[in-house]
Amino acid sequence: MKKELLRIKGLTIEFQGEISYPIIRNLDFSIWKGEKLSLVGESGCGKTITALSLMGLLPYAIKRKEGEILFHTAREVLPLHSFSPDSPEWLKVRGKEISMVFQEPSVSLNPTLTAGYQIAEPLIYRGCNRKDARDRALRIMEKVGLPHPADVYNRFPHELSGGMQQRVMLAMALILEPSLLIADEPTTALDVTIQAGILELIKELNEKMGMAFLLITHDLGVVNDVAEEMIVMYAGEILEQGKVKDLLKNPLQPYLKGLIASLPSLSGGKKKLESMQGSVPQPWERPVGCVFSPRCAYRMSICSRPPLWKEVENGHWVRCWLYE
C-alpha cells in the first residue's frame, strides 16, 4: 500500500508588491513514498517556484497566499506552510527530509569553498566531527560516481567539469539521506552522455534508498526515461495528470498534445515539426477562464470560464472543456 509523503492542498503563491498577482493558483497534488514524479511544462509555467515553495525557499516578495503543504515524518504530519522559512521545523526538514538539486550547479555552488567541504557541511552543521563528516562525504561522492573522490574533495567548483559539478550537487542533496529529492532541470547544459549517467544514477538511488523524487523538466524524453507519474503545468496551474505512459500515449489537454507534436521522432520519417503559436503569459496577463485558451486550436466560447478538473480514465485527470 502506498504511503503519502507530501501533500499540497489548494496552494496559491503570489507576488506581493504595489500590484499583487498570483504566480501559482490552487495547486493540489501528492507525492508518495518512493514515487518517481515529474513536473512538466515550458519555462515560465511555475515549476521552479513550486519546488522552492516545497523547500521554504521562496524569493523575497513572493509569498504563499493560501493552501497547505503537509509533510509526513515518521512520527507526525508537519504543516510546513505554517512555519517561517528559518524556523526550527523547516531546518529539521530541509536537507534531512527534503533536498533539492538546483538547475545550474556553477551558480549554486560556493566558489570559495572546496567541493568536499560543501558536501560535508550539512553533517558538520548538525554536530558531526570533521573527520567523520569527511569520511561520509567521500562515500557519497563515490556513490554518485565522482572519480578519485579524495582528490575531488579538495578541489574548488571552477576546477570541475559541468558533469562533476552536478554530481557534487547531487552528493550534497543526498548526504543526509532524504526521503524526497527535488531535481530542478538536473541535466541542463550537460552533454548527452553525462545526462544519461545522471538520470540513471537518480533512478538507481530511488530504487536502492526508497527515496521519492520530483523531477522538474521541459524534456518529455527525460520524463519517459525516469518517471512513472507526470503533472503538466501551464501558467501556474495543473492542466493534466496521470501515469507517464498514459499521458504520452493518449494526451488529452491540447497543451500536452502540442508539446508532444513538437518533438522529433527517429521512426516517423521526414515531417515538419509542429509548433504552438504564442508563449506562456506573464502572471499579470493571465487570461480569464482556461489559461491555455489564447493558444489553443480547439478554443470555444465556453473556454472563457475555468474548466473543471475531471478524471477521464482511471488515474488520468485533465482540465479542459473538451471532456465535459
Protein backbone atom coordinates (compact mmCIF):
# COMPACT_ATOMS: atom_id res chain seq x y z
CA MET A 1 0.00 0.00 0.00
CA LYS A 2 1.36 3.41 -0.98
CA LYS A 3 2.18 5.86 1.81
CA GLU A 4 1.72 9.58 1.29
CA LEU A 5 4.90 11.58 1.88
CA LEU A 6 3.96 15.14 0.91
CA ARG A 7 0.54 16.68 0.32
CA ILE A 8 -0.05 20.03 -1.39
CA LYS A 9 -3.63 21.30 -0.96
CA GLY A 10 -5.01 24.38 -2.70
CA LEU A 11 -1.61 26.10 -2.82
CA THR A 12 -1.70 29.66 -4.19
CA ILE A 13 1.50 31.71 -4.38
CA GLU A 14 1.57 35.36 -5.35
CA PHE A 15 3.91 38.25 -5.91
CA GLN A 16 3.17 40.89 -3.29
CA GLY A 17 4.02 44.48 -4.14
CA GLU A 18 2.25 47.66 -5.18
CA ILE A 19 0.30 45.39 -7.51
CA SER A 20 -0.12 41.79 -6.35
CA TYR A 21 -0.81 38.92 -8.72
CA PRO A 22 -0.86 35.10 -8.42
CA ILE A 23 2.03 33.04 -9.81
CA ILE A 24 0.71 29.63 -8.74
CA ARG A 25 -3.03 29.03 -8.40
CA ASN A 26 -4.84 26.31 -6.49
CA LEU A 27 -2.15 23.63 -6.79
CA ASP A 28 -3.26 20.25 -5.49
CA PHE A 29 -1.23 17.01 -5.65
CA SER A 30 0.55 14.39 -3.54
CA ILE A 31 3.99 12.80 -3.60
CA TRP A 32 4.08 9.22 -2.33
CA LYS A 33 6.92 7.38 -0.63
CA GLY A 34 9.33 6.06 -3.27
CA GLU A 35 7.41 7.69 -6.14
CA LYS A 36 9.04 8.91 -9.35
CA LEU A 37 7.08 12.02 -10.27
CA SER A 38 7.79 14.61 -12.96
CA LEU A 39 6.57 18.21 -13.22
CA VAL A 40 6.46 19.24 -16.88
CA GLY A 41 5.88 22.49 -18.71
CA GLU A 42 7.52 25.30 -20.66
CA SER A 43 9.80 27.83 -18.99
CA GLY A 44 7.70 30.28 -17.01
CA CYS A 45 4.95 27.81 -16.09
CA GLY A 46 5.76 27.91 -12.35
CA LYS A 47 7.63 24.62 -11.92
CA THR A 48 10.65 26.04 -10.06
CA ILE A 49 8.52 28.32 -7.85
CA THR A 50 6.50 25.24 -6.88
CA ALA A 51 9.70 23.40 -5.92
CA LEU A 52 11.05 26.36 -3.94
CA SER A 53 7.79 26.58 -2.02
CA LEU A 54 8.18 22.93 -1.01
CA MET A 55 11.65 23.80 0.35
CA GLY A 56 10.58 27.01 2.10
CA LEU A 57 12.93 28.98 -0.15
CA LEU A 58 10.61 31.39 -1.98
CA PRO A 59 12.30 34.61 -3.15
CA TYR A 60 11.62 37.93 -1.47
CA ALA A 61 8.16 39.40 -2.22
CA ILE A 62 6.83 36.03 -3.41
CA LYS A 63 4.61 34.58 -0.69
CA ARG A 64 2.16 31.79 -0.07
CA LYS A 65 -1.30 33.35 -0.09
CA GLU A 66 -3.30 30.27 0.85
CA GLY A 67 -3.19 26.48 0.85
CA GLU A 68 -1.34 23.78 2.78
CA ILE A 69 1.97 21.89 2.49
CA LEU A 70 1.83 18.81 4.70
CA PHE A 71 4.90 16.63 5.18
CA HIS A 72 4.63 13.17 6.74
CA THR A 73 7.55 12.32 9.04
CA ALA A 74 7.93 9.00 10.86
CA ARG A 75 6.08 10.40 13.87
CA GLU A 76 3.85 13.27 12.75
CA VAL A 77 2.43 15.34 9.93
CA LEU A 78 4.19 18.70 9.75
CA PRO A 79 2.15 21.63 8.37
CA LEU A 80 5.17 23.27 6.72
CA HIS A 81 3.08 26.16 5.38
CA SER A 82 2.53 27.41 8.94
CA PHE A 83 6.24 27.84 9.77
CA SER A 84 8.58 30.69 8.84
CA PRO A 85 11.40 29.66 6.43
CA ASP A 86 14.09 29.88 9.13
CA SER A 87 12.07 28.14 11.85
CA PRO A 88 13.45 25.03 13.63
CA GLU A 89 10.70 22.97 11.99
CA TRP A 90 11.86 23.90 8.49
CA LEU A 91 15.53 23.45 9.40
CA LYS A 92 14.98 19.88 10.57
CA VAL A 93 13.09 19.01 7.37
CA ARG A 94 15.16 20.89 4.77
CA GLY A 95 18.13 18.76 3.74
CA LYS A 96 17.33 15.92 6.12
CA GLU A 97 13.86 15.03 4.81
CA ILE A 98 13.59 17.08 1.60
CA SER A 99 16.61 18.01 -0.53
CA MET A 100 16.93 19.82 -3.83
CA VAL A 101 19.36 19.74 -6.74
CA PHE A 102 19.27 23.19 -8.30
CA GLN A 103 19.26 23.90 -12.01
CA GLU A 104 22.69 25.44 -12.58
CA PRO A 105 25.49 23.97 -10.41
CA SER A 106 28.09 26.54 -11.47
CA VAL A 107 25.87 29.24 -9.93
CA SER A 108 24.60 27.24 -6.95
CA LEU A 109 28.00 26.04 -5.67
CA ASN A 110 30.04 28.40 -3.47
CA PRO A 111 33.21 29.29 -5.44
CA THR A 112 35.19 30.00 -2.26
CA LEU A 113 34.72 26.55 -0.66
CA THR A 114 36.04 23.20 -1.82
CA ALA A 115 33.59 20.71 -3.28
CA GLY A 116 34.19 18.24 -0.46
CA TYR A 117 33.56 20.76 2.29
CA GLN A 118 30.27 21.79 0.68
CA ILE A 119 29.17 18.15 0.62
CA ALA A 120 30.21 17.57 4.25
CA GLU A 121 28.86 20.89 5.57
CA PRO A 122 25.30 19.65 6.38
CA LEU A 123 26.83 16.99 8.63
CA ILE A 124 29.19 19.47 10.31
CA TYR A 125 26.29 21.90 10.84
CA ARG A 126 24.42 19.14 12.67
CA GLY A 127 27.30 18.39 15.03
CA CYS A 128 29.26 15.69 13.22
CA ASN A 129 33.04 15.98 13.71
CA ARG A 130 35.01 16.92 10.61
CA LYS A 131 36.81 13.58 10.21
CA ASP A 132 33.58 11.56 10.26
CA ALA A 133 31.89 14.13 8.01
CA ARG A 134 34.76 13.85 5.52
CA ASP A 135 34.59 10.04 5.53
CA ARG A 136 30.85 10.07 4.89
CA ALA A 137 31.26 12.70 2.19
CA LEU A 138 33.86 10.55 0.41
CA ARG A 139 31.49 7.57 0.49
CA ILE A 140 28.60 9.55 -1.01
CA MET A 141 30.96 11.04 -3.62
CA GLU A 142 31.90 7.53 -4.68
CA LYS A 143 28.24 6.52 -4.76
CA VAL A 144 27.31 9.36 -7.15
CA GLY A 145 30.15 8.39 -9.48
CA LEU A 146 32.73 11.11 -8.84
CA PRO A 147 36.17 9.82 -9.91
CA HIS A 148 39.00 9.94 -7.35
CA PRO A 149 36.84 11.31 -4.50
CA ALA A 150 39.81 12.16 -2.25
CA ASP A 151 41.19 14.41 -4.99
CA VAL A 152 37.86 16.00 -5.93
CA TYR A 153 37.16 16.66 -2.23
CA ASN A 154 39.90 19.31 -2.17
CA ARG A 155 39.05 20.94 -5.49
CA PHE A 156 37.11 24.15 -5.98
CA PRO A 157 34.00 24.17 -8.21
CA HIS A 158 35.72 26.00 -11.08
CA GLU A 159 38.23 23.15 -11.30
CA LEU A 160 35.47 20.63 -12.10
CA SER A 161 33.57 19.89 -15.31
CA GLY A 162 29.84 20.55 -15.58
CA GLY A 163 29.02 16.88 -15.08
CA MET A 164 31.23 16.68 -11.98
CA GLN A 165 29.68 19.85 -10.57
CA GLN A 166 26.22 18.33 -11.00
CA ARG A 167 27.35 15.15 -9.21
CA VAL A 168 28.70 17.31 -6.38
CA MET A 169 25.27 18.95 -6.14
CA LEU A 170 23.67 15.52 -6.06
CA ALA A 171 26.05 14.36 -3.32
CA MET A 172 25.20 17.48 -1.28
CA ALA A 173 21.49 16.72 -1.63
CA LEU A 174 21.92 13.05 -0.64
CA ILE A 175 24.42 13.32 2.23
CA LEU A 176 21.62 13.32 4.86
CA GLU A 177 19.66 10.55 3.06
CA PRO A 178 16.41 12.49 2.48
CA SER A 179 13.00 10.94 1.91
CA LEU A 180 12.34 13.23 -1.07
CA LEU A 181 14.76 14.57 -3.68
CA ILE A 182 13.66 17.50 -5.86
CA ALA A 183 15.72 17.76 -9.06
CA ASP A 184 15.20 21.02 -10.97
CA GLU A 185 16.39 20.52 -14.57
CA PRO A 186 19.35 18.41 -13.31
CA THR A 187 20.74 17.80 -16.81
CA THR A 188 20.67 21.37 -18.14
CA ALA A 189 23.81 22.25 -20.16
CA LEU A 190 25.19 18.69 -19.88
CA ASP A 191 26.13 16.63 -22.92
CA VAL A 192 24.01 13.59 -23.76
CA THR A 193 26.38 11.02 -22.23
CA ILE A 194 26.66 12.86 -18.90
CA GLN A 195 22.91 13.50 -18.90
CA ALA A 196 22.20 9.78 -19.27
CA GLY A 197 24.58 8.98 -16.41
CA ILE A 198 22.97 11.50 -14.04
CA LEU A 199 19.45 10.24 -14.82
CA GLU A 200 20.48 6.60 -14.43
CA LEU A 201 22.07 7.46 -11.08
CA ILE A 202 18.86 9.14 -9.84
CA LYS A 203 16.82 6.06 -10.81
CA GLU A 204 19.30 3.77 -9.09
CA LEU A 205 19.22 5.81 -5.87
CA ASN A 206 15.42 5.80 -5.96
CA GLU A 207 15.39 2.00 -6.11
CA LYS A 208 18.16 1.36 -3.56
CA MET A 209 17.24 4.03 -0.98
CA GLY A 210 13.45 4.02 -1.42
CA MET A 211 13.73 7.76 -1.95
CA ALA A 212 10.94 9.59 -3.77
CA PHE A 213 11.95 12.16 -6.32
CA LEU A 214 10.27 15.07 -8.05
CA LEU A 215 11.87 15.76 -11.43
CA ILE A 216 11.27 19.22 -12.91
CA THR A 217 11.88 19.41 -16.64
CA HIS A 218 10.53 20.51 -20.01
CA ASP A 219 12.09 17.47 -21.74
CA LEU A 220 9.46 14.78 -22.33
CA GLY A 221 12.17 12.33 -23.41
CA VAL A 222 13.76 12.58 -19.97
CA VAL A 223 10.34 12.13 -18.35
CA ASN A 224 9.72 8.97 -20.35
CA ASP A 225 13.08 7.56 -19.24
CA VAL A 226 12.90 8.13 -15.49
CA ALA A 227 9.40 8.98 -14.22
CA GLU A 228 6.25 6.96 -13.58
CA GLU A 229 3.77 9.77 -12.89
CA MET A 230 3.55 13.16 -14.61
CA ILE A 231 1.97 16.52 -13.82
CA VAL A 232 1.59 19.00 -16.69
CA MET A 233 1.72 22.66 -15.63
CA TYR A 234 0.88 25.76 -17.60
CA ALA A 235 0.73 29.37 -16.36
CA GLY A 236 0.84 28.27 -12.72
CA GLU A 237 -1.96 25.69 -12.98
CA ILE A 238 -2.12 21.92 -13.41
CA LEU A 239 -3.81 21.01 -16.70
CA GLU A 240 -3.27 17.24 -16.85
CA GLN A 241 -2.01 14.49 -14.55
CA GLY A 242 -1.56 10.73 -14.65
CA LYS A 243 0.83 7.91 -15.47
CA VAL A 244 3.59 8.88 -17.89
CA LYS A 245 2.84 6.05 -20.32
CA ASP A 246 -0.85 7.04 -20.45
CA LEU A 247 -0.25 10.75 -20.94
CA LEU A 248 2.36 10.28 -23.65
CA LYS A 249 0.32 7.65 -25.48
CA ASN A 250 -3.05 9.39 -25.13
CA PRO A 251 -2.62 13.10 -24.33
CA LEU A 252 -5.94 14.84 -23.72
CA GLN A 253 -5.22 18.50 -22.99
CA PRO A 254 -4.39 20.45 -26.20
CA TYR A 255 -1.33 21.88 -24.42
CA LEU A 256 0.21 18.44 -23.86
CA LYS A 257 -0.78 17.41 -27.39
CA GLY A 258 1.15 20.44 -28.67
CA LEU A 259 4.22 19.61 -26.61
CA ILE A 260 4.29 16.05 -27.92
CA ALA A 261 3.66 17.12 -31.54
CA SER A 262 6.71 19.41 -31.38
CA LEU A 263 9.07 16.50 -30.62
CA PRO A 264 11.20 14.99 -33.40
CA SER A 265 10.87 11.25 -33.99
CA LEU A 266 13.50 8.75 -35.06
CA SER A 267 10.93 6.47 -36.67
CA GLY A 268 8.37 8.88 -38.06
CA GLY A 269 10.13 9.74 -41.30
CA LYS A 270 10.66 13.26 -42.55
CA LYS A 271 7.98 15.65 -41.43
CA LYS A 272 7.68 19.26 -40.43
CA LEU A 273 7.61 19.65 -36.67
CA GLU A 274 4.53 21.40 -35.33
CA SER A 275 4.76 24.39 -33.05
CA MET A 276 2.32 26.20 -30.79
CA GLN A 277 1.67 29.83 -31.54
CA GLY A 278 2.26 32.40 -28.81
CA SER A 279 4.00 31.96 -25.48
CA VAL A 280 3.31 31.42 -21.80
CA PRO A 281 1.51 34.52 -20.46
CA GLN A 282 3.08 36.66 -17.77
CA PRO A 283 1.38 36.19 -14.37
CA TRP A 284 -0.16 39.68 -14.56
CA GLU A 285 -1.54 38.90 -18.03
CA ARG A 286 -3.23 35.62 -17.10
CA PRO A 287 -6.31 35.09 -19.30
CA VAL A 288 -9.78 34.69 -17.85
CA GLY A 289 -11.13 31.14 -17.93
CA CYS A 290 -8.89 28.42 -19.37
CA VAL A 291 -5.32 29.71 -19.14
CA PHE A 292 -4.31 27.94 -22.36
CA SER A 293 -7.27 29.14 -24.45
CA PRO A 294 -5.46 32.04 -26.25
CA ARG A 295 -3.05 29.49 -27.82
CA CYS A 296 -5.50 26.61 -28.23
CA ALA A 297 -6.60 25.39 -31.67
CA TYR A 298 -9.79 23.95 -30.12
CA ARG A 299 -10.88 27.18 -28.41
CA MET A 300 -14.65 27.53 -27.79
CA SER A 301 -16.81 30.23 -26.27
CA ILE A 302 -17.14 28.24 -23.04
CA CYS A 303 -13.37 28.47 -22.58
CA SER A 304 -13.94 31.94 -21.11
CA ARG A 305 -14.92 30.00 -17.96
CA PRO A 306 -12.40 28.00 -15.89
CA PRO A 307 -12.65 24.30 -16.87
CA LEU A 308 -13.38 21.67 -14.26
CA TRP A 309 -10.91 19.01 -13.07
CA LYS A 310 -12.13 15.66 -14.42
CA GLU A 311 -10.94 12.04 -14.28
CA VAL A 312 -11.39 10.83 -17.86
CA GLU A 313 -9.79 7.43 -17.31
CA ASN A 314 -8.54 5.59 -14.23
CA GLY A 315 -5.95 7.93 -12.71
CA HIS A 316 -5.83 10.17 -15.82
CA TRP A 317 -7.07 13.66 -14.93
CA VAL A 318 -7.50 16.66 -17.21
CA ARG A 319 -8.73 20.24 -17.00
CA CYS A 320 -10.36 21.01 -20.38
CA TRP A 321 -13.88 21.76 -21.65
CA LEU A 322 -13.45 19.24 -24.49
CA TYR A 323 -14.12 16.45 -21.98
CA GLU A 324 -17.23 17.86 -20.33
